[in-house]
Amino acid sequence: MVKHEDIESKMKGYADENKLSALEALYMWSKGISSKTIAGVLNNKYGSVEALDIITKDLSSLQIRSPSERVELTDEEVGFVIRDSFNKHKQPILDKMTEDLGTLTVLEKNVLLAMIRSSLFEMERIKPEDLKIAYRAILGETMKDRDFEKALLYLEKIGIVYCDRTYGRIEAIIIPEHIPLNLR
């Protein structure tokens, strides 16, 4: 069994070394997000999937195979400990996201507005079709599929959503729980 302090030390190390991509990759892994989705998010947001290799090696060295495994002595789930530690070290990720909010186009703002006003943003996973319906209902217009995906990928690039893709097509939109409530 892994120790709580081993996980905390690994997360602190990522933060101290400014390996924000590894910090975020481990957070996604702790939520049960697939490696394929993690790789897509990392590639879009950080331009590399190297962090997935880093966390895979680190998890292996700590002999962790699943976020539902238990931590020594406390019997907490590994995933919970990772997310708790992530919350202590997430500020640089949130600072960058806040800075990037100023770069949103009208289309991206409208997609975000549709998510928020329709209360979809309060869900953990959103079906793209549901967001398209909300967008049409709130803004009174239909968006082209290409523009819709482009907007979602930019929202992912700045860290507001994660896109679960299959063969390049967005199958689900995942809302990270660490997004500030004033955006929700």
Protein backbone atom coordinates (compact mmCIF):
# COMPACT_ATOMS: atom_id res chain seq x y z
CA MET A 1 0.00 0.00 0.00
CA VAL A 2 1.13 3.50 -0.80
CA LYS A 3 1.57 6.10 1.91
CA HIS A 4 -0.27 9.43 1.99
CA GLU A 5 3.02 11.36 2.24
CA ASP A 6 4.41 9.60 -0.87
CA ILE A 7 1.51 10.89 -2.95
CA GLU A 8 1.71 14.36 -1.40
CA SER A 9 5.47 14.47 -2.02
CA LYS A 10 5.01 13.54 -5.68
CA MET A 11 2.35 16.23 -6.19
CA LYS A 12 4.43 18.84 -4.36
CA GLY A 13 7.39 17.90 -6.54
CA TYR A 14 5.36 18.50 -9.71
CA ALA A 15 4.28 21.90 -8.39
CA ASP A 16 7.77 22.90 -7.19
CA GLU A 17 9.31 21.90 -10.53
CA ASN A 18 6.54 23.75 -12.42
CA LYS A 19 5.41 20.49 -14.05
CA LEU A 20 1.83 21.71 -14.23
CA SER A 21 1.02 19.27 -17.03
CA ALA A 22 1.99 16.32 -14.77
CA LEU A 23 0.03 17.81 -11.88
CA GLU A 24 -3.05 18.13 -14.07
CA ALA A 25 -2.53 14.72 -15.72
CA LEU A 26 -2.44 13.01 -12.32
CA TYR A 27 -5.59 14.92 -11.31
CA MET A 28 -7.37 13.64 -14.46
CA TRP A 29 -6.14 10.09 -13.80
CA SER A 30 -7.49 10.32 -10.23
CA LYS A 31 -10.93 11.15 -11.67
CA GLY A 32 -10.89 7.96 -13.75
CA ILE A 33 -10.42 9.81 -17.04
CA SER A 34 -8.99 7.52 -19.72
CA SER A 35 -5.37 7.73 -20.82
CA LYS A 36 -6.58 8.48 -24.35
CA THR A 37 -8.53 11.51 -23.14
CA ILE A 38 -5.68 12.64 -20.87
CA ALA A 39 -3.30 12.44 -23.83
CA GLY A 40 -5.67 14.51 -26.00
CA VAL A 41 -6.06 17.18 -23.32
CA LEU A 42 -2.32 17.34 -22.64
CA ASN A 43 -1.49 17.59 -26.33
CA ASN A 44 -4.02 20.38 -26.87
CA LYS A 45 -3.25 22.32 -23.70
CA TYR A 46 0.49 21.79 -23.24
CA GLY A 47 1.61 20.68 -26.73
CA SER A 48 3.00 17.37 -25.44
CA VAL A 49 1.88 14.12 -23.84
CA GLU A 50 5.15 13.73 -21.91
CA ALA A 51 3.32 14.30 -18.60
CA LEU A 52 1.31 11.11 -19.19
CA ASP A 53 4.57 9.15 -19.39
CA ILE A 54 5.82 10.90 -16.23
CA ILE A 55 2.76 10.05 -14.15
CA THR A 56 2.59 6.50 -15.53
CA LYS A 57 6.19 5.88 -14.38
CA ASP A 58 5.57 7.59 -11.04
CA LEU A 59 2.38 5.59 -10.39
CA SER A 60 4.25 2.42 -11.25
CA SER A 61 7.13 3.30 -8.92
CA LEU A 62 4.61 3.89 -6.11
CA GLN A 63 2.90 0.60 -7.07
CA ILE A 64 -0.44 2.33 -7.68
CA ARG A 65 -2.71 0.76 -10.30
CA SER A 66 -6.05 2.44 -9.64
CA PRO A 67 -7.46 5.61 -8.07
CA SER A 68 -9.74 3.40 -5.98
CA GLU A 69 -6.83 1.69 -4.19
CA ARG A 70 -6.47 2.47 -0.51
CA VAL A 71 -3.77 4.50 1.19
CA GLU A 72 -1.80 2.91 4.02
CA LEU A 73 -3.03 3.68 7.55
CA THR A 74 -5.81 6.16 6.59
CA ASP A 75 -7.66 3.79 4.22
CA GLU A 76 -8.56 6.78 2.01
CA GLU A 77 -8.82 6.25 -1.72
CA VAL A 78 -5.68 7.15 -3.68
CA GLY A 79 -7.80 9.27 -6.03
CA PHE A 80 -9.15 11.33 -3.14
CA VAL A 81 -5.64 11.95 -1.77
CA ILE A 82 -4.43 13.01 -5.23
CA ARG A 83 -7.34 15.43 -5.71
CA ASP A 84 -6.89 16.83 -2.20
CA SER A 85 -3.20 17.43 -2.89
CA PHE A 86 -3.99 18.86 -6.34
CA ASN A 87 -6.27 21.43 -4.69
CA LYS A 88 -3.32 22.62 -2.59
CA HIS A 89 -1.13 23.14 -5.68
CA LYS A 90 -3.59 24.18 -8.42
CA GLN A 91 -3.23 27.97 -8.17
CA PRO A 92 -0.72 28.39 -11.04
CA ILE A 93 -3.08 26.43 -13.31
CA LEU A 94 -6.01 28.66 -12.29
CA ASP A 95 -3.90 31.82 -12.70
CA LYS A 96 -3.01 30.85 -16.28
CA MET A 97 -6.64 30.00 -17.05
CA THR A 98 -7.83 33.34 -15.67
CA GLU A 99 -5.22 35.17 -17.73
CA ASP A 100 -6.34 33.31 -20.88
CA LEU A 101 -10.02 34.16 -20.37
CA GLY A 102 -9.28 37.53 -22.00
CA THR A 103 -8.42 35.76 -25.26
CA LEU A 104 -11.86 34.20 -25.76
CA THR A 105 -13.64 35.02 -29.01
CA VAL A 106 -17.34 35.87 -29.09
CA LEU A 107 -18.11 32.32 -30.24
CA GLU A 108 -16.18 30.76 -27.35
CA LYS A 109 -17.81 33.14 -24.87
CA ASN A 110 -21.22 32.18 -26.24
CA VAL A 111 -20.50 28.46 -25.89
CA LEU A 112 -19.41 29.07 -22.29
CA LEU A 113 -22.45 31.26 -21.70
CA ALA A 114 -24.73 28.50 -23.02
CA MET A 115 -23.10 25.99 -20.64
CA ILE A 116 -23.52 28.30 -17.65
CA ARG A 117 -27.04 29.57 -18.35
CA SER A 118 -28.38 26.10 -19.12
CA SER A 119 -26.84 24.74 -15.87
CA LEU A 120 -24.90 22.17 -17.90
CA PHE A 121 -21.71 23.62 -16.40
CA GLU A 122 -22.79 22.19 -13.04
CA MET A 123 -22.62 18.66 -14.43
CA GLU A 124 -19.45 16.58 -14.49
CA ARG A 125 -19.97 15.40 -18.08
CA ILE A 126 -21.92 17.08 -20.86
CA LYS A 127 -23.09 15.50 -24.09
CA PRO A 128 -22.16 17.77 -27.02
CA GLU A 129 -25.70 17.41 -28.39
CA ASP A 130 -27.14 18.79 -25.14
CA LEU A 131 -24.83 21.78 -25.33
CA LYS A 132 -25.81 22.42 -28.96
CA ILE A 133 -29.49 22.40 -27.94
CA ALA A 134 -28.78 24.79 -25.05
CA TYR A 135 -26.76 27.05 -27.35
CA ARG A 136 -29.63 27.20 -29.85
CA ALA A 137 -32.23 27.80 -27.12
CA ILE A 138 -30.26 30.54 -25.35
CA LEU A 139 -28.70 32.33 -28.30
CA GLY A 140 -31.40 31.65 -30.90
CA GLU A 141 -28.96 30.35 -33.50
CA THR A 142 -27.35 27.12 -34.63
CA MET A 143 -23.61 26.80 -34.71
CA LYS A 144 -21.69 24.90 -37.40
CA ASP A 145 -20.17 21.66 -36.12
CA ARG A 146 -16.67 22.78 -37.11
CA ASP A 147 -17.05 26.07 -35.18
CA PHE A 148 -18.55 24.24 -32.20
CA GLU A 149 -15.61 21.82 -31.95
CA LYS A 150 -13.10 24.62 -32.50
CA ALA A 151 -14.66 26.59 -29.61
CA LEU A 152 -14.63 23.55 -27.31
CA LEU A 153 -11.02 22.76 -28.15
CA TYR A 154 -10.02 26.32 -27.31
CA LEU A 155 -11.92 26.14 -24.01
CA GLU A 156 -9.96 22.95 -23.36
CA LYS A 157 -6.68 24.62 -24.32
CA ILE A 158 -7.15 27.28 -21.66
CA GLY A 159 -8.32 24.72 -19.08
CA ILE A 160 -12.06 25.29 -18.68
CA VAL A 161 -13.14 21.89 -20.04
CA TYR A 162 -11.66 18.53 -21.01
CA CYS A 163 -12.86 16.93 -24.24
CA ASP A 164 -13.30 13.17 -24.38
CA ARG A 165 -12.60 12.25 -28.01
CA THR A 166 -13.13 9.17 -30.13
CA TYR A 167 -11.45 9.21 -33.52
CA GLY A 168 -11.05 12.98 -33.27
CA ARG A 169 -14.75 13.53 -32.56
CA ILE A 170 -15.78 15.04 -29.19
CA GLU A 171 -17.96 12.48 -27.41
CA ALA A 172 -18.27 14.24 -24.05
CA ILE A 173 -17.27 17.48 -22.38
CA ILE A 174 -15.84 17.03 -18.89
CA ILE A 175 -16.02 19.92 -16.43
CA PRO A 176 -13.08 19.80 -13.99
CA GLU A 177 -14.21 20.25 -10.40
CA HIS A 178 -11.43 22.76 -9.72
CA ILE A 179 -12.90 25.40 -12.05
CA PRO A 180 -13.79 28.39 -9.86
CA LEU A 181 -17.43 28.67 -8.89
CA ASN A 182 -17.67 32.19 -10.34
CA LEU A 183 -17.42 30.57 -13.77
CA ARG A 184 -20.07 27.99 -12.93
